[in-house]
Amino acid sequence: MSDFKDQIRDFLCGTQRVLVIKYTGEKLNIAQEGRLFWTKNPLVTRFNILICNLASKLPACEFKNKLYRLVGVKIGREVAIAQGANLDALYPELITIHDGAVLGRECVILTHETTVDTFRLGRVEIGKQAMIGVRSVIRSGVKIGEGSQVGACSFVNKDVGDFELAGGVPVRTVKSLR
């Protein structure tokens, strides 16, 4: 089996949507192992954190979108990302936000997750003209379909299809918007 870093590099170069690595090391949890944050250049990671933190403080505007593009987030035209929204700074290049999408205030988009014994990395895609409600959390590896709406304070742990209204903890489809 290839090394932790090799698995992540292969994932980043491929088209797979989710990578889950089980931890079997000697430490009590994967975060203490230290390898997690050496999968990328530490200077790049710090730059990404700086830019993502700065961008999250700004109101929705094209300048904010340009900052996110600078760290690798793929953002379409006329996207609105509200003030306080947090995009994962460790792997921002795994986030795609299509034309006309709206991200509500203080929502969170995760591309990586760490538990005691697992590291999860996943691509997140927000469809064209989709809307993510205030304080919602989008889990790594999730796709929000075109024209879909996610209610406020939802935990999106699975895909939301095109033109669906979804919400809750965990998320469930409420109705079709067709």
Protein backbone atom coordinates (compact mmCIF):
# COMPACT_ATOMS: atom_id res chain seq x y z
CA MET A 1 0.00 0.00 0.00
CA SER A 2 1.30 3.44 -0.90
CA ASP A 3 2.21 6.06 1.66
CA PHE A 4 -0.35 8.52 3.06
CA LYS A 5 1.11 11.38 1.02
CA ASP A 6 1.13 9.30 -2.18
CA GLN A 7 -2.53 8.38 -1.73
CA ILE A 8 -3.46 12.05 -1.39
CA ARG A 9 -1.33 13.06 -4.38
CA ASP A 10 -2.98 10.35 -6.50
CA PHE A 11 -6.41 11.54 -5.36
CA LEU A 12 -5.65 15.18 -6.21
CA CYS A 13 -4.49 14.20 -9.71
CA GLY A 14 -7.45 11.92 -10.40
CA THR A 15 -11.20 12.27 -10.73
CA GLN A 16 -12.29 10.21 -7.72
CA ARG A 17 -14.74 12.19 -5.54
CA VAL A 18 -13.90 10.89 -2.04
CA LEU A 19 -10.78 9.42 -0.46
CA VAL A 20 -10.95 7.80 2.98
CA ILE A 21 -7.72 6.71 4.67
CA LYS A 22 -7.89 4.57 7.82
CA TYR A 23 -5.23 5.37 10.42
CA THR A 24 -3.25 2.50 11.91
CA GLY A 25 -0.27 4.38 13.35
CA GLU A 26 1.18 4.40 16.84
CA LYS A 27 -0.27 7.71 18.05
CA LEU A 28 -3.71 7.89 19.69
CA ASN A 29 -5.21 9.72 16.71
CA ILE A 30 -4.36 10.71 13.15
CA ALA A 31 -4.13 14.44 13.93
CA GLN A 32 -1.22 13.79 16.32
CA GLU A 33 0.70 11.84 13.68
CA GLY A 34 1.91 15.06 12.05
CA ARG A 35 1.77 13.73 8.48
CA LEU A 36 -1.61 15.32 7.87
CA PHE A 37 -0.35 18.85 7.37
CA TRP A 38 2.78 17.85 5.49
CA THR A 39 0.77 16.58 2.52
CA LYS A 40 1.11 20.08 1.04
CA ASN A 41 3.82 22.70 1.16
CA PRO A 42 3.40 24.45 4.56
CA LEU A 43 3.91 27.88 2.97
CA VAL A 44 1.12 27.21 0.46
CA THR A 45 -1.14 26.06 3.29
CA ARG A 46 -0.44 29.20 5.33
CA PHE A 47 -1.04 31.40 2.27
CA ASN A 48 -4.36 29.61 1.63
CA ILE A 49 -5.41 30.11 5.26
CA LEU A 50 -4.52 33.81 5.11
CA ILE A 51 -6.44 34.40 1.87
CA CYS A 52 -9.48 32.33 2.92
CA ASN A 53 -9.68 34.12 6.28
CA LEU A 54 -9.43 37.51 4.58
CA ALA A 55 -12.05 36.60 1.97
CA SER A 56 -14.50 35.33 4.60
CA LYS A 57 -14.54 38.81 6.18
CA LEU A 58 -15.56 40.52 2.93
CA PRO A 59 -19.14 40.99 1.70
CA ALA A 60 -20.23 39.17 -1.45
CA CYS A 61 -18.34 40.77 -4.34
CA GLU A 62 -16.22 39.89 -7.37
CA PHE A 63 -13.01 40.81 -5.51
CA LYS A 64 -13.83 38.12 -2.92
CA ASN A 65 -14.34 35.57 -5.73
CA LYS A 66 -10.97 36.55 -7.22
CA LEU A 67 -9.28 35.92 -3.85
CA TYR A 68 -10.81 32.45 -3.67
CA ARG A 69 -9.75 31.75 -7.26
CA LEU A 70 -6.22 32.74 -6.25
CA VAL A 71 -6.07 29.74 -3.88
CA GLY A 72 -7.61 27.33 -6.40
CA VAL A 73 -11.36 27.44 -5.78
CA LYS A 74 -13.16 27.07 -9.11
CA ILE A 75 -15.83 29.79 -9.13
CA GLY A 76 -18.18 30.57 -12.00
CA ARG A 77 -19.75 33.87 -13.00
CA GLU A 78 -22.00 35.93 -10.73
CA VAL A 79 -21.47 33.79 -7.63
CA ALA A 80 -22.40 35.37 -4.29
CA ILE A 81 -20.54 34.18 -1.20
CA ALA A 82 -21.89 35.94 1.89
CA GLN A 83 -19.75 37.44 4.59
CA GLY A 84 -18.67 34.88 7.19
CA ALA A 85 -18.87 31.89 4.84
CA ASN A 86 -15.90 29.57 5.37
CA LEU A 87 -14.32 27.58 2.55
CA ASP A 88 -11.83 24.88 3.54
CA ALA A 89 -8.36 26.42 3.36
CA LEU A 90 -6.35 23.18 3.42
CA TYR A 91 -7.64 21.88 0.06
CA PRO A 92 -9.56 24.79 -1.55
CA GLU A 93 -8.76 23.45 -5.03
CA LEU A 94 -11.32 20.68 -4.42
CA ILE A 95 -14.21 23.19 -4.34
CA THR A 96 -16.21 24.03 -7.48
CA ILE A 97 -18.97 26.63 -7.38
CA HIS A 98 -20.91 27.05 -10.63
CA ASP A 99 -22.45 30.18 -12.18
CA GLY A 100 -25.06 32.06 -10.16
CA ALA A 101 -24.73 30.03 -6.95
CA VAL A 102 -25.37 31.71 -3.60
CA LEU A 103 -23.68 30.74 -0.32
CA GLY A 104 -25.37 32.06 2.81
CA ARG A 105 -23.79 33.77 5.75
CA GLU A 106 -21.56 31.59 7.97
CA CYS A 107 -22.00 28.44 5.90
CA VAL A 108 -19.05 26.03 5.87
CA ILE A 109 -17.69 23.99 2.96
CA LEU A 110 -15.36 21.18 4.03
CA THR A 111 -12.96 19.37 1.71
CA HIS A 112 -11.19 17.41 4.44
CA GLU A 113 -12.21 15.82 7.74
CA THR A 114 -10.20 14.16 10.47
CA THR A 115 -11.52 11.77 13.10
CA VAL A 116 -9.59 9.69 15.61
CA ASP A 117 -8.86 6.95 13.08
CA THR A 118 -9.83 8.32 9.66
CA PHE A 119 -8.82 11.05 7.21
CA ARG A 120 -11.42 11.93 4.57
CA LEU A 121 -10.76 14.11 1.54
CA GLY A 122 -13.45 14.98 -0.99
CA ARG A 123 -14.41 17.22 -3.88
CA VAL A 124 -17.37 19.54 -3.29
CA GLU A 125 -19.48 20.83 -6.14
CA ILE A 126 -22.16 23.50 -5.83
CA GLY A 127 -24.38 23.49 -8.94
CA LYS A 128 -25.48 26.36 -11.15
CA GLN A 129 -27.89 28.72 -9.35
CA ALA A 130 -27.91 26.55 -6.22
CA MET A 131 -28.45 28.22 -2.87
CA ILE A 132 -26.86 27.18 0.43
CA GLY A 133 -28.69 28.50 3.50
CA VAL A 134 -27.24 30.38 6.44
CA ARG A 135 -24.97 28.34 8.77
CA SER A 136 -25.24 25.15 6.73
CA VAL A 137 -22.30 22.72 6.64
CA ILE A 138 -21.39 20.93 3.41
CA ARG A 139 -19.41 17.75 4.03
CA SER A 140 -16.45 16.73 1.87
CA GLY A 141 -17.38 14.72 -1.21
CA VAL A 142 -20.88 16.19 -1.60
CA LYS A 143 -22.50 17.51 -4.77
CA ILE A 144 -25.34 20.04 -4.65
CA GLY A 145 -27.33 19.91 -7.87
CA GLU A 146 -28.29 22.70 -10.24
CA GLY A 147 -31.09 24.98 -8.99
CA SER A 148 -31.23 23.26 -5.59
CA GLN A 149 -31.79 24.96 -2.28
CA VAL A 150 -30.38 23.88 1.08
CA GLY A 151 -32.22 25.21 4.14
CA ALA A 152 -30.58 27.16 6.92
CA CYS A 153 -28.53 25.28 9.56
CA SER A 154 -28.48 22.04 7.56
CA PHE A 155 -25.78 19.37 7.65
CA VAL A 156 -25.33 18.19 4.05
CA ASN A 157 -23.73 14.75 4.34
CA LYS A 158 -25.02 13.36 1.02
CA ASP A 159 -25.68 14.60 -2.50
CA VAL A 160 -28.65 16.86 -3.22
CA GLY A 161 -30.11 16.32 -6.69
CA ASP A 162 -30.96 18.96 -9.27
CA PHE A 163 -33.88 21.27 -8.40
CA GLU A 164 -34.48 19.88 -4.91
CA LEU A 165 -35.28 21.65 -1.68
CA ALA A 166 -33.35 19.93 1.11
CA GLY A 167 -32.70 20.63 4.76
CA GLY A 168 -32.21 19.26 8.23
CA VAL A 169 -29.59 17.47 10.29
CA PRO A 170 -28.72 15.26 8.52
CA VAL A 171 -30.03 16.67 5.25
CA ARG A 172 -33.06 15.11 3.57
CA THR A 173 -35.01 16.08 0.47
CA VAL A 174 -38.14 18.07 1.35
CA LYS A 175 -39.59 18.49 -2.14
CA SER A 176 -38.82 18.85 -5.83
CA LEU A 177 -38.52 22.38 -7.19
CA ARG A 178 -39.38 21.44 -10.78
